[in-house]
Amino acid sequence: MAVVVARQSKSRLSLHGLGVICGLTAGVWLGTAEAPTKLVTAGFSPFAVSLCMVAGVFTARWTFPTLLKGTSYVWEDLLEKKHLIVWALLAGALWAVANTLTVFAIRDVGLAVAFPLWNANSLVGLFWGRVLFRELEGASARNIAKVVLGSVIIVAAAILLGFSTLQGGSEVARHHALAGIVAAAGASLMWGTMYVPYRKAYLSGMNPLSFVTAFTVGELGTVLALTLALDGGRHSSAFALLHMPGVVFWLFLGGFVWVIGDLFQQFATKYLGIGRGIPLSNTNQLWGLAWGALVFGELAKADHAHRLMVLAGSAGMILGALAISTAVASEKEHSSTNEAVARECERYGLDYRKTLLAQAGDEFDSRTSTKRWWDYLIVAAATGFFLWMGLRAVVPPLAMNLRWVAVLAVVLVVSLAAGTWSLWRRTQFS
């Protein structure tokens, strides 16, 4: 433990600060990743959109860990903690179900409203973090108050947004709005529960880059099974869409963008815990609202009251999330986390000191991130495939404000630079 404290004292960036940067960066990229799913409004099946997006996720999941650490490092990390592979597959399956539900939600209520609704997953994650991992144990009264107040604000904002989608319109429109709300709520439940395997993995010292490599197998297998079972089997429009590289490129792009956001979210969860990491990354609702309202004009025809309800609900959820994320962990809370690490080590026969160091971003073993020739081949193949589709890409049949696209693209690049530099300087992606 003394080694960890010494390392932190030498660094100008604390683990809490690193977690906050990762969470905010995750919010920018996760919010952008859902924009390509607007293609569902062009007549494509939600299952088709989800499957193509997950195919892009699968490609990126293998590319980024290979690029940053190398396959030798990843495989050694996975084999050292074999019991976590099952948890990673489970997390991937939960993500696949949640992602498919979000496509239905976007179709029925739009990005601007769907985002804040499914970001209530912070409450689900907060519950599991407290019950299963004793997060907030030993916290000060002030920190507990921040978490409780933030949770109440998030719930109130979700209710406000739900009612805003039911105001006015025909009976059919209300039915679709209700279906969209239910889909977003289901995604919230799935995503909130998905963070349990995340936290379990990082308490055991696994690198997020290793975890996501196994994670992607579970998500691709699950979304493929959902498509075959619920979307016409081999006759699903998903397989026809896969033969349209000009359109599929944008969904692959969404998958790539989502993976970058999720990697930062994984690091935020590792260094802040579920209760703090999830709300911070849930600032993605701000960016989802920006893409939905500014780029796609979702609120252009909304009346004044509707706009106020959506904006107030979004602002409320952001304030609630920030209230939770600014509750900095005390020494007593850190002790509780160390006890959770000790329980995992005892349960699975892990080295406590090495696991504690890895959990804090300090790897203390013989693993190397030296690249092999096949690592470069994997990266080259993924890049070549992506470029091949990009050259055949066509502009989606959607009305978009290109000026706002450019502005939001600049925000993406700046946030990526800040997050990547912070992670490399503090932990070298560990």
Protein backbone atom coordinates (compact mmCIF):
# COMPACT_ATOMS: atom_id res chain seq x y z
CA MET A 1 0.00 0.00 0.00
CA ALA A 2 2.92 2.33 0.78
CA VAL A 3 4.20 1.89 -2.77
CA VAL A 4 0.84 3.00 -4.16
CA VAL A 5 0.75 6.09 -1.93
CA ALA A 6 4.32 6.98 -2.86
CA ARG A 7 3.58 6.67 -6.55
CA GLN A 8 0.52 8.90 -6.23
CA SER A 9 2.43 11.54 -4.30
CA LYS A 10 4.98 11.81 -7.10
CA SER A 11 2.34 12.27 -9.74
CA ARG A 12 0.76 15.66 -10.38
CA LEU A 13 -2.45 13.90 -11.40
CA SER A 14 -4.29 11.92 -8.74
CA LEU A 15 -6.24 8.78 -9.55
CA HIS A 16 -9.44 10.67 -8.77
CA GLY A 17 -8.47 13.41 -11.21
CA LEU A 18 -7.59 10.83 -13.84
CA GLY A 19 -10.94 9.11 -13.31
CA VAL A 20 -12.79 12.42 -13.73
CA ILE A 21 -10.96 13.19 -17.00
CA CYS A 22 -11.69 9.69 -18.29
CA GLY A 23 -15.36 9.97 -17.32
CA LEU A 24 -15.83 13.32 -19.07
CA THR A 25 -14.00 12.09 -22.18
CA ALA A 26 -16.20 8.99 -22.17
CA GLY A 27 -19.26 11.23 -22.08
CA VAL A 28 -18.23 13.11 -25.22
CA TRP A 29 -17.51 9.95 -27.23
CA LEU A 30 -20.43 7.84 -25.98
CA GLY A 31 -22.79 10.69 -26.77
CA THR A 32 -21.49 10.91 -30.31
CA ALA A 33 -21.55 7.16 -30.94
CA GLU A 34 -25.33 6.95 -30.96
CA ALA A 35 -25.72 9.57 -33.70
CA PRO A 36 -25.29 7.05 -36.57
CA THR A 37 -28.20 5.02 -35.19
CA LYS A 38 -30.43 7.79 -36.52
CA LEU A 39 -30.30 5.67 -39.69
CA VAL A 40 -33.11 3.67 -38.11
CA THR A 41 -35.41 6.52 -39.11
CA ALA A 42 -34.49 5.81 -42.74
CA GLY A 43 -36.40 2.51 -42.59
CA PHE A 44 -33.81 0.02 -41.37
CA SER A 45 -34.65 -2.53 -38.69
CA PRO A 46 -33.35 -1.66 -35.19
CA PHE A 47 -31.84 -5.16 -35.10
CA ALA A 48 -30.04 -4.49 -38.37
CA VAL A 49 -28.68 -1.19 -37.09
CA SER A 50 -27.55 -2.79 -33.81
CA LEU A 51 -25.87 -5.76 -35.53
CA CYS A 52 -23.91 -3.57 -37.93
CA MET A 53 -22.90 -1.23 -35.14
CA VAL A 54 -21.73 -4.16 -33.00
CA ALA A 55 -19.72 -5.47 -35.95
CA GLY A 56 -17.87 -2.16 -35.88
CA VAL A 57 -17.50 -2.48 -32.12
CA PHE A 58 -16.08 -5.99 -32.55
CA THR A 59 -13.49 -4.73 -35.04
CA ALA A 60 -12.45 -1.85 -32.78
CA ARG A 61 -12.41 -4.00 -29.64
CA TRP A 62 -9.62 -6.10 -31.06
CA THR A 63 -7.79 -3.19 -32.70
CA PHE A 64 -7.29 -0.73 -29.84
CA PRO A 65 -5.98 -3.20 -27.21
CA THR A 66 -3.67 -4.67 -29.86
CA LEU A 67 -2.43 -1.21 -30.81
CA LEU A 68 -1.87 -0.03 -27.23
CA LYS A 69 -0.62 -3.16 -25.47
CA GLY A 70 -0.26 -6.03 -27.93
CA THR A 71 -1.99 -9.43 -28.01
CA SER A 72 0.68 -11.13 -25.87
CA TYR A 73 -0.04 -8.77 -23.01
CA VAL A 74 -3.80 -9.16 -23.36
CA TRP A 75 -3.76 -12.97 -23.49
CA GLU A 76 -1.41 -13.23 -20.52
CA ASP A 77 -3.66 -10.94 -18.49
CA LEU A 78 -6.77 -12.96 -19.43
CA LEU A 79 -5.18 -16.34 -18.69
CA GLU A 80 -3.94 -15.12 -15.33
CA LYS A 81 -7.55 -14.40 -14.30
CA LYS A 82 -9.54 -17.01 -16.23
CA HIS A 83 -12.57 -16.68 -13.96
CA LEU A 84 -13.17 -13.15 -15.26
CA ILE A 85 -13.60 -14.28 -18.87
CA VAL A 86 -17.11 -15.55 -18.05
CA TRP A 87 -17.94 -12.22 -16.40
CA ALA A 88 -16.70 -10.36 -19.46
CA LEU A 89 -18.90 -12.48 -21.75
CA LEU A 90 -21.89 -11.79 -19.48
CA ALA A 91 -21.21 -8.06 -19.56
CA GLY A 92 -21.04 -8.19 -23.35
CA ALA A 93 -24.39 -9.96 -23.53
CA LEU A 94 -26.01 -7.34 -21.28
CA TRP A 95 -24.55 -4.58 -23.41
CA ALA A 96 -25.90 -6.14 -26.62
CA VAL A 97 -29.45 -6.27 -25.25
CA ALA A 98 -29.18 -2.69 -23.95
CA ASN A 99 -27.79 -1.35 -27.22
CA THR A 100 -30.62 -2.95 -29.22
CA LEU A 101 -33.17 -1.37 -26.88
CA THR A 102 -31.58 2.05 -27.36
CA VAL A 103 -32.12 1.79 -31.13
CA PHE A 104 -35.83 1.22 -30.52
CA ALA A 105 -35.86 4.15 -28.08
CA ILE A 106 -34.15 6.48 -30.57
CA ARG A 107 -36.67 5.45 -33.25
CA ASP A 108 -39.67 6.19 -31.04
CA VAL A 109 -38.64 9.24 -28.99
CA GLY A 110 -35.41 10.52 -30.58
CA LEU A 111 -31.86 11.02 -29.30
CA ALA A 112 -32.60 14.18 -27.32
CA VAL A 113 -35.11 12.40 -25.07
CA ALA A 114 -33.84 8.80 -25.13
CA PHE A 115 -30.37 9.65 -23.84
CA PRO A 116 -31.41 11.13 -20.49
CA LEU A 117 -33.89 8.30 -19.89
CA TRP A 118 -31.44 5.42 -20.29
CA ASN A 119 -28.79 7.33 -18.35
CA ALA A 120 -30.77 6.56 -15.23
CA ASN A 121 -28.49 3.50 -15.28
CA SER A 122 -26.37 5.47 -12.80
CA LEU A 123 -28.99 4.67 -10.14
CA VAL A 124 -28.85 0.97 -10.96
CA GLY A 125 -25.07 1.00 -10.89
CA LEU A 126 -25.07 2.95 -7.63
CA PHE A 127 -27.31 0.30 -6.04
CA TRP A 128 -25.13 -2.61 -7.15
CA GLY A 129 -21.96 -0.79 -6.13
CA ARG A 130 -23.28 -0.27 -2.62
CA VAL A 131 -24.77 -3.75 -2.18
CA LEU A 132 -22.07 -5.88 -3.81
CA PHE A 133 -18.86 -3.87 -3.36
CA ARG A 134 -19.63 -1.73 -0.27
CA GLU A 135 -19.05 1.53 -2.10
CA LEU A 136 -19.68 4.62 0.08
CA GLU A 137 -18.96 2.57 3.21
CA GLY A 138 -17.19 4.92 5.59
CA ALA A 139 -18.13 7.97 3.50
CA SER A 140 -18.65 11.33 5.16
CA ALA A 141 -22.16 12.68 5.68
CA ARG A 142 -21.44 15.30 3.01
CA ASN A 143 -20.51 12.70 0.41
CA ILE A 144 -23.52 10.56 1.22
CA ALA A 145 -25.74 13.64 0.90
CA LYS A 146 -24.26 14.40 -2.53
CA VAL A 147 -24.93 10.88 -3.72
CA VAL A 148 -28.49 10.74 -2.37
CA LEU A 149 -29.40 14.22 -3.63
CA GLY A 150 -27.87 13.49 -7.01
CA SER A 151 -29.88 10.29 -7.26
CA VAL A 152 -33.14 12.07 -6.43
CA ILE A 153 -32.45 14.76 -9.03
CA ILE A 154 -31.74 12.12 -11.68
CA VAL A 155 -35.00 10.28 -10.98
CA ALA A 156 -37.01 13.52 -11.02
CA ALA A 157 -35.40 14.56 -14.31
CA ALA A 158 -36.15 11.17 -15.87
CA ILE A 159 -39.83 11.48 -14.89
CA LEU A 160 -39.94 15.00 -16.32
CA LEU A 161 -38.49 13.84 -19.62
CA GLY A 162 -40.90 10.92 -19.75
CA PHE A 163 -43.90 13.20 -19.37
CA SER A 164 -42.52 15.63 -21.96
CA THR A 165 -42.74 12.94 -24.67
CA LEU A 166 -46.38 12.22 -23.88
CA GLN A 167 -47.63 15.77 -24.26
CA GLY A 168 -49.82 16.28 -27.34
CA GLY A 169 -49.84 14.21 -30.51
CA SER A 170 -52.11 11.42 -31.66
CA GLU A 171 -52.88 8.20 -29.82
CA VAL A 172 -50.49 6.34 -32.15
CA ALA A 173 -47.72 8.86 -31.42
CA ARG A 174 -48.31 8.46 -27.68
CA HIS A 175 -48.14 4.69 -27.99
CA HIS A 176 -44.81 4.89 -29.78
CA ALA A 177 -43.53 7.39 -27.20
CA LEU A 178 -44.49 5.02 -24.39
CA ALA A 179 -42.76 2.14 -26.16
CA GLY A 180 -39.65 4.29 -26.55
CA ILE A 181 -39.68 5.16 -22.85
CA VAL A 182 -39.98 1.49 -21.89
CA ALA A 183 -37.11 0.58 -24.24
CA ALA A 184 -34.90 3.31 -22.76
CA ALA A 185 -35.77 2.17 -19.23
CA GLY A 186 -34.87 -1.42 -20.14
CA ALA A 187 -31.55 -0.25 -21.55
CA SER A 188 -30.93 1.63 -18.32
CA LEU A 189 -31.47 -1.54 -16.27
CA MET A 190 -29.22 -3.63 -18.51
CA TRP A 191 -26.41 -1.08 -18.62
CA GLY A 192 -26.55 -0.40 -14.89
CA THR A 193 -26.19 -4.12 -14.16
CA MET A 194 -23.43 -4.49 -16.77
CA TYR A 195 -21.07 -2.51 -14.55
CA VAL A 196 -21.01 -5.28 -11.93
CA PRO A 197 -18.63 -7.44 -14.03
CA TYR A 198 -16.61 -4.30 -14.79
CA ARG A 199 -16.02 -3.55 -11.13
CA LYS A 200 -15.36 -7.18 -10.28
CA ALA A 201 -12.67 -7.34 -12.98
CA TYR A 202 -10.87 -4.20 -11.87
CA LEU A 203 -10.91 -5.15 -8.21
CA SER A 204 -9.03 -8.25 -9.39
CA GLY A 205 -6.41 -6.13 -11.15
CA MET A 206 -7.41 -6.84 -14.75
CA ASN A 207 -6.52 -4.23 -17.34
CA PRO A 208 -9.62 -2.70 -19.04
CA LEU A 209 -8.02 -3.36 -22.43
CA SER A 210 -7.93 -7.09 -21.65
CA PHE A 211 -11.47 -7.14 -20.28
CA VAL A 212 -13.02 -5.58 -23.38
CA THR A 213 -11.34 -8.12 -25.65
CA ALA A 214 -13.39 -10.94 -24.10
CA PHE A 215 -16.37 -8.62 -23.63
CA THR A 216 -16.77 -8.16 -27.38
CA VAL A 217 -17.29 -11.89 -28.01
CA GLY A 218 -20.31 -11.86 -25.71
CA GLU A 219 -21.86 -8.79 -27.29
CA LEU A 220 -21.45 -9.93 -30.91
CA GLY A 221 -22.80 -13.41 -30.16
CA THR A 222 -25.80 -12.02 -28.30
CA VAL A 223 -26.83 -9.43 -30.88
CA LEU A 224 -26.48 -12.02 -33.63
CA ALA A 225 -28.73 -14.39 -31.67
CA LEU A 226 -31.30 -11.62 -31.13
CA THR A 227 -31.33 -10.83 -34.83
CA LEU A 228 -31.83 -14.47 -35.82
CA ALA A 229 -34.52 -15.07 -33.21
CA LEU A 230 -36.53 -11.83 -33.40
CA ASP A 231 -35.88 -10.25 -36.78
CA GLY A 232 -36.74 -12.90 -39.36
CA GLY A 233 -33.75 -15.19 -38.98
CA ARG A 234 -31.69 -15.46 -42.16
CA HIS A 235 -34.18 -13.16 -43.90
CA SER A 236 -33.45 -10.27 -41.52
CA SER A 237 -32.81 -6.92 -43.15
CA ALA A 238 -29.52 -6.91 -41.23
CA PHE A 239 -27.93 -9.27 -43.74
CA ALA A 240 -29.13 -7.15 -46.65
CA LEU A 241 -27.74 -4.06 -44.93
CA LEU A 242 -24.34 -5.74 -44.55
CA HIS A 243 -24.10 -5.75 -48.36
CA MET A 244 -24.46 -1.95 -48.44
CA PRO A 245 -20.95 -0.70 -47.51
CA GLY A 246 -21.89 2.88 -48.25
CA VAL A 247 -24.42 2.82 -45.41
CA VAL A 248 -22.76 0.28 -43.12
CA PHE A 249 -19.68 2.50 -42.87
CA TRP A 250 -21.56 4.98 -40.69
CA LEU A 251 -22.69 2.25 -38.30
CA PHE A 252 -19.16 0.87 -38.18
CA LEU A 253 -18.00 4.40 -37.45
CA GLY A 254 -20.52 4.59 -34.61
CA GLY A 255 -19.13 1.31 -33.25
CA PHE A 256 -15.55 2.62 -33.38
CA VAL A 257 -16.54 5.85 -31.65
CA TRP A 258 -18.47 3.95 -28.99
CA VAL A 259 -15.48 1.72 -28.23
CA ILE A 260 -13.25 4.74 -27.61
CA GLY A 261 -15.85 6.18 -25.26
CA ASP A 262 -16.35 2.87 -23.51
CA LEU A 263 -12.61 2.40 -22.95
CA PHE A 264 -12.46 5.73 -21.16
CA GLN A 265 -15.60 4.74 -19.23
CA GLN A 266 -13.90 1.51 -18.19
CA PHE A 267 -10.93 3.42 -16.81
CA ALA A 268 -13.28 5.85 -15.03
CA THR A 269 -15.07 2.90 -13.41
CA LYS A 270 -11.73 1.40 -12.40
CA TYR A 271 -10.41 4.53 -10.71
CA LEU A 272 -13.64 6.04 -9.34
CA GLY A 273 -15.90 3.02 -8.77
CA ILE A 274 -19.39 2.36 -10.13
CA GLY A 275 -21.22 4.98 -8.07
CA ARG A 276 -19.01 7.83 -9.26
CA GLY A 277 -17.73 6.64 -12.63
CA ILE A 278 -21.09 5.95 -14.27
CA PRO A 279 -22.74 9.31 -13.47
CA LEU A 280 -19.69 11.16 -14.77
CA SER A 281 -19.68 9.28 -18.09
CA ASN A 282 -23.43 9.87 -18.24
CA THR A 283 -22.72 13.45 -19.21
CA ASN A 284 -22.97 11.81 -22.64
CA GLN A 285 -26.61 12.87 -22.50
CA LEU A 286 -25.44 16.45 -23.02
CA TRP A 287 -23.67 15.38 -26.22
CA GLY A 288 -26.55 13.18 -27.29
CA LEU A 289 -28.83 16.19 -26.88
CA ALA A 290 -26.37 18.31 -28.87
CA TRP A 291 -26.31 15.86 -31.78
CA GLY A 292 -30.06 15.30 -31.69
CA ALA A 293 -31.09 18.94 -31.39
CA LEU A 294 -28.29 20.83 -33.17
CA VAL A 295 -27.32 18.41 -35.93
CA PHE A 296 -30.56 16.52 -36.62
CA GLY A 297 -33.00 19.26 -35.56
CA GLU A 298 -35.10 16.97 -33.37
CA LEU A 299 -36.52 19.87 -31.36
CA ALA A 300 -37.05 22.20 -34.32
CA LYS A 301 -40.83 21.70 -34.38
CA ALA A 302 -41.30 21.31 -30.62
CA ASP A 303 -43.34 23.93 -28.79
CA HIS A 304 -41.84 26.16 -26.10
CA ALA A 305 -43.10 24.07 -23.18
CA HIS A 306 -41.76 20.84 -24.71
CA ARG A 307 -38.32 22.36 -25.21
CA LEU A 308 -38.22 23.68 -21.67
CA MET A 309 -39.13 20.27 -20.25
CA VAL A 310 -36.44 18.49 -22.28
CA LEU A 311 -33.78 21.06 -21.42
CA ALA A 312 -34.74 21.18 -17.73
CA GLY A 313 -34.74 17.38 -17.53
CA SER A 314 -31.35 17.14 -19.21
CA ALA A 315 -29.87 19.87 -17.00
CA GLY A 316 -31.30 18.18 -13.91
CA MET A 317 -29.77 14.83 -14.77
CA ILE A 318 -26.39 16.43 -15.46
CA LEU A 319 -26.44 18.28 -12.14
CA GLY A 320 -27.42 15.09 -10.33
CA ALA A 321 -24.60 13.17 -11.98
CA LEU A 322 -22.06 15.87 -11.13
CA ALA A 323 -23.22 15.95 -7.51
CA ILE A 324 -22.51 12.22 -7.24
CA SER A 325 -19.18 12.33 -9.08
CA THR A 326 -17.75 15.19 -6.98
CA ALA A 327 -18.08 13.17 -3.78
CA VAL A 328 -14.36 12.42 -3.45
CA ALA A 329 -13.64 9.16 -1.64
CA SER A 330 -12.26 9.44 1.91
CA GLU A 331 -9.55 7.31 3.51
CA LYS A 332 -12.25 5.16 5.12
CA GLU A 333 -13.80 4.53 1.72
CA HIS A 334 -10.41 3.59 0.30
CA SER A 335 -9.99 1.12 3.15
CA SER A 336 -13.35 -0.40 2.27
CA THR A 337 -12.21 -0.74 -1.37
CA ASN A 338 -9.02 -2.45 -0.25
CA GLU A 339 -11.12 -4.90 1.75
CA ALA A 340 -13.13 -5.64 -1.40
CA VAL A 341 -9.86 -6.30 -3.24
CA ALA A 342 -8.77 -8.63 -0.43
CA ARG A 343 -12.03 -10.59 -0.70
CA GLU A 344 -11.56 -11.06 -4.45
CA CYS A 345 -7.95 -12.16 -3.91
CA GLU A 346 -8.95 -14.65 -1.25
CA ARG A 347 -11.82 -16.01 -3.34
CA TYR A 348 -9.72 -16.58 -6.47
CA GLY A 349 -6.23 -17.07 -5.06
CA LEU A 350 -4.73 -13.80 -6.33
CA ASP A 351 -1.70 -11.96 -4.97
CA TYR A 352 -3.08 -9.12 -2.82
CA ARG A 353 -0.15 -6.71 -3.16
CA LYS A 354 0.16 -7.13 -6.92
CA THR A 355 -3.61 -6.81 -7.37
CA LEU A 356 -3.74 -3.67 -5.25
CA LEU A 357 -1.00 -2.08 -7.32
CA ALA A 358 -2.69 -3.03 -10.60
CA GLN A 359 -6.01 -1.72 -9.33
CA ALA A 360 -4.30 1.63 -8.74
CA GLY A 361 -2.74 1.72 -12.22
CA ASP A 362 0.71 0.46 -11.21
CA GLU A 363 1.52 -2.85 -12.84
CA PHE A 364 4.03 -4.88 -10.87
CA ASP A 365 4.71 -8.01 -12.90
CA SER A 366 6.65 -9.36 -15.85
CA ARG A 367 4.02 -8.76 -18.51
CA THR A 368 5.29 -6.87 -21.51
CA SER A 369 3.49 -4.78 -24.11
CA THR A 370 6.01 -5.63 -26.83
CA LYS A 371 4.25 -5.88 -30.19
CA ARG A 372 4.45 -9.02 -32.35
CA TRP A 373 4.24 -9.13 -36.13
CA TRP A 374 0.65 -10.33 -36.02
CA ASP A 375 -0.30 -7.31 -33.90
CA TYR A 376 0.62 -5.02 -36.76
CA LEU A 377 -1.24 -7.31 -39.14
CA ILE A 378 -4.43 -7.07 -37.04
CA VAL A 379 -4.25 -3.28 -36.92
CA ALA A 380 -3.47 -3.04 -40.64
CA ALA A 381 -6.37 -5.36 -41.57
CA ALA A 382 -8.87 -3.42 -39.43
CA THR A 383 -7.66 -0.09 -40.78
CA GLY A 384 -7.74 -1.33 -44.37
CA PHE A 385 -11.27 -2.68 -44.00
CA PHE A 386 -12.44 0.58 -42.48
CA LEU A 387 -10.87 2.64 -45.26
CA TRP A 388 -12.36 0.34 -47.90
CA MET A 389 -15.85 0.98 -46.56
CA GLY A 390 -15.15 4.68 -46.10
CA LEU A 391 -14.25 5.12 -49.76
CA ARG A 392 -17.66 3.67 -50.65
CA ALA A 393 -19.60 5.63 -48.06
CA VAL A 394 -22.57 7.73 -49.06
CA VAL A 395 -24.13 10.60 -47.18
CA PRO A 396 -26.99 9.20 -45.03
CA PRO A 397 -30.50 10.19 -46.19
CA LEU A 398 -30.91 12.53 -43.23
CA ALA A 399 -31.10 16.29 -42.88
CA MET A 400 -28.04 17.48 -40.93
CA ASN A 401 -26.52 20.81 -39.95
CA LEU A 402 -22.92 20.40 -41.17
CA ARG A 403 -21.63 23.42 -39.24
CA TRP A 404 -22.59 21.81 -35.96
CA VAL A 405 -21.10 18.52 -37.15
CA ALA A 406 -17.76 20.30 -37.57
CA VAL A 407 -17.98 21.97 -34.15
CA LEU A 408 -18.78 18.72 -32.36
CA ALA A 409 -16.02 16.92 -34.28
CA VAL A 410 -13.48 19.42 -32.89
CA VAL A 411 -14.76 18.72 -29.38
CA LEU A 412 -14.22 14.99 -30.01
CA VAL A 413 -10.60 15.46 -31.05
CA VAL A 414 -9.75 17.77 -28.13
CA SER A 415 -11.31 15.45 -25.55
CA LEU A 416 -9.51 12.44 -27.02
CA ALA A 417 -6.15 14.20 -26.84
CA ALA A 418 -6.72 15.23 -23.21
CA GLY A 419 -7.92 11.80 -22.11
CA THR A 420 -5.21 9.84 -23.93
CA TRP A 421 -2.38 12.04 -22.69
CA SER A 422 -3.65 11.84 -19.08
CA LEU A 423 -3.92 8.05 -19.16
CA TRP A 424 -0.50 7.59 -20.74
CA ARG A 425 1.24 10.01 -18.39
CA ARG A 426 -0.30 8.54 -15.23
CA THR A 427 -0.63 4.79 -15.91
CA GLN A 428 0.53 4.05 -19.48
CA PHE A 429 -2.96 2.60 -20.13
CA SER A 430 -2.86 0.25 -17.13
